[in-house]
Amino acid sequence: MEVTKIIEDCVSRFLFFIDKCGVGKTTLACANAVVLTEKGKNVLFISISPVFNLADSFGQSGR
């Protein structure tokens, strides 16, 4: 199923990407955030991982 179709059919206001390490959670979360913002949605992207740097995922300088 296409990601945008899943997003359009979603009735929740929250998307959580959880699983064990190394399965692509960050990649999927970033991709979904980009798709949602391109569709005009407001996105708050939060990570609780102590080793994760969101700025790196979007090619921005950290801190």
Protein backbone atom coordinates (compact mmCIF):
# COMPACT_ATOMS: atom_id res chain seq x y z
CA MET A 1 0.00 0.00 0.00
CA GLU A 2 1.23 3.48 -0.82
CA VAL A 3 2.43 5.56 2.14
CA THR A 4 0.28 8.56 1.22
CA LYS A 5 -2.83 6.32 1.14
CA ILE A 6 -2.04 5.03 4.62
CA ILE A 7 -1.62 8.59 5.87
CA GLU A 8 -4.88 9.76 4.27
CA ASP A 9 -6.80 6.83 5.77
CA CYS A 10 -5.28 7.30 9.22
CA VAL A 11 -7.76 8.51 11.82
CA SER A 12 -5.13 9.11 14.49
CA ARG A 13 -3.29 12.38 14.95
CA PHE A 14 -0.19 10.54 16.12
CA LEU A 15 2.24 8.24 14.35
CA PHE A 16 4.75 6.25 16.37
CA PHE A 17 7.65 4.32 14.86
CA ILE A 18 8.85 1.73 17.34
CA ASP A 19 10.86 -1.46 17.05
CA LYS A 20 14.31 -2.77 17.83
CA CYS A 21 17.51 -1.05 16.72
CA GLY A 22 18.51 -0.98 13.07
CA VAL A 23 15.16 -1.62 11.40
CA GLY A 24 14.68 1.78 9.73
CA LYS A 25 12.52 3.67 12.22
CA THR A 26 14.33 6.96 11.65
CA THR A 27 14.19 6.62 7.87
CA LEU A 28 10.47 5.86 7.89
CA ALA A 29 9.67 8.60 10.39
CA CYS A 30 11.62 11.20 8.39
CA ALA A 31 10.03 10.11 5.11
CA ASN A 32 6.56 10.33 6.62
CA ALA A 33 7.30 13.75 8.09
CA VAL A 34 8.39 15.01 4.67
CA VAL A 35 5.29 13.60 2.96
CA LEU A 36 2.98 15.09 5.58
CA THR A 37 4.56 18.54 5.39
CA GLU A 38 4.37 18.45 1.58
CA LYS A 39 0.64 17.80 2.00
CA GLY A 40 0.36 20.91 4.17
CA LYS A 41 0.14 19.11 7.52
CA ASN A 42 1.78 20.42 10.66
CA VAL A 43 4.40 17.99 11.95
CA LEU A 44 6.10 17.80 15.31
CA PHE A 45 8.96 15.32 15.05
CA ILE A 46 10.31 14.04 18.37
CA SER A 47 12.88 11.38 19.12
CA ILE A 48 13.57 10.00 22.57
CA SER A 49 16.69 8.14 21.49
CA PRO A 50 19.84 9.30 23.30
CA VAL A 51 21.99 8.58 20.22
CA PHE A 52 19.67 10.01 17.59
CA ASN A 53 20.35 13.37 15.99
CA LEU A 54 17.39 14.65 13.97
CA ALA A 55 19.51 17.39 12.39
CA ASP A 56 21.71 14.74 10.76
CA SER A 57 18.69 13.08 9.18
CA PHE A 58 17.70 16.30 7.44
CA GLY A 59 21.24 17.46 6.60
CA GLN A 60 21.22 20.33 9.09
CA SER A 61 23.89 21.40 11.53
CA GLY A 62 23.28 20.14 15.06
CA ARG A 63 22.91 22.19 18.23
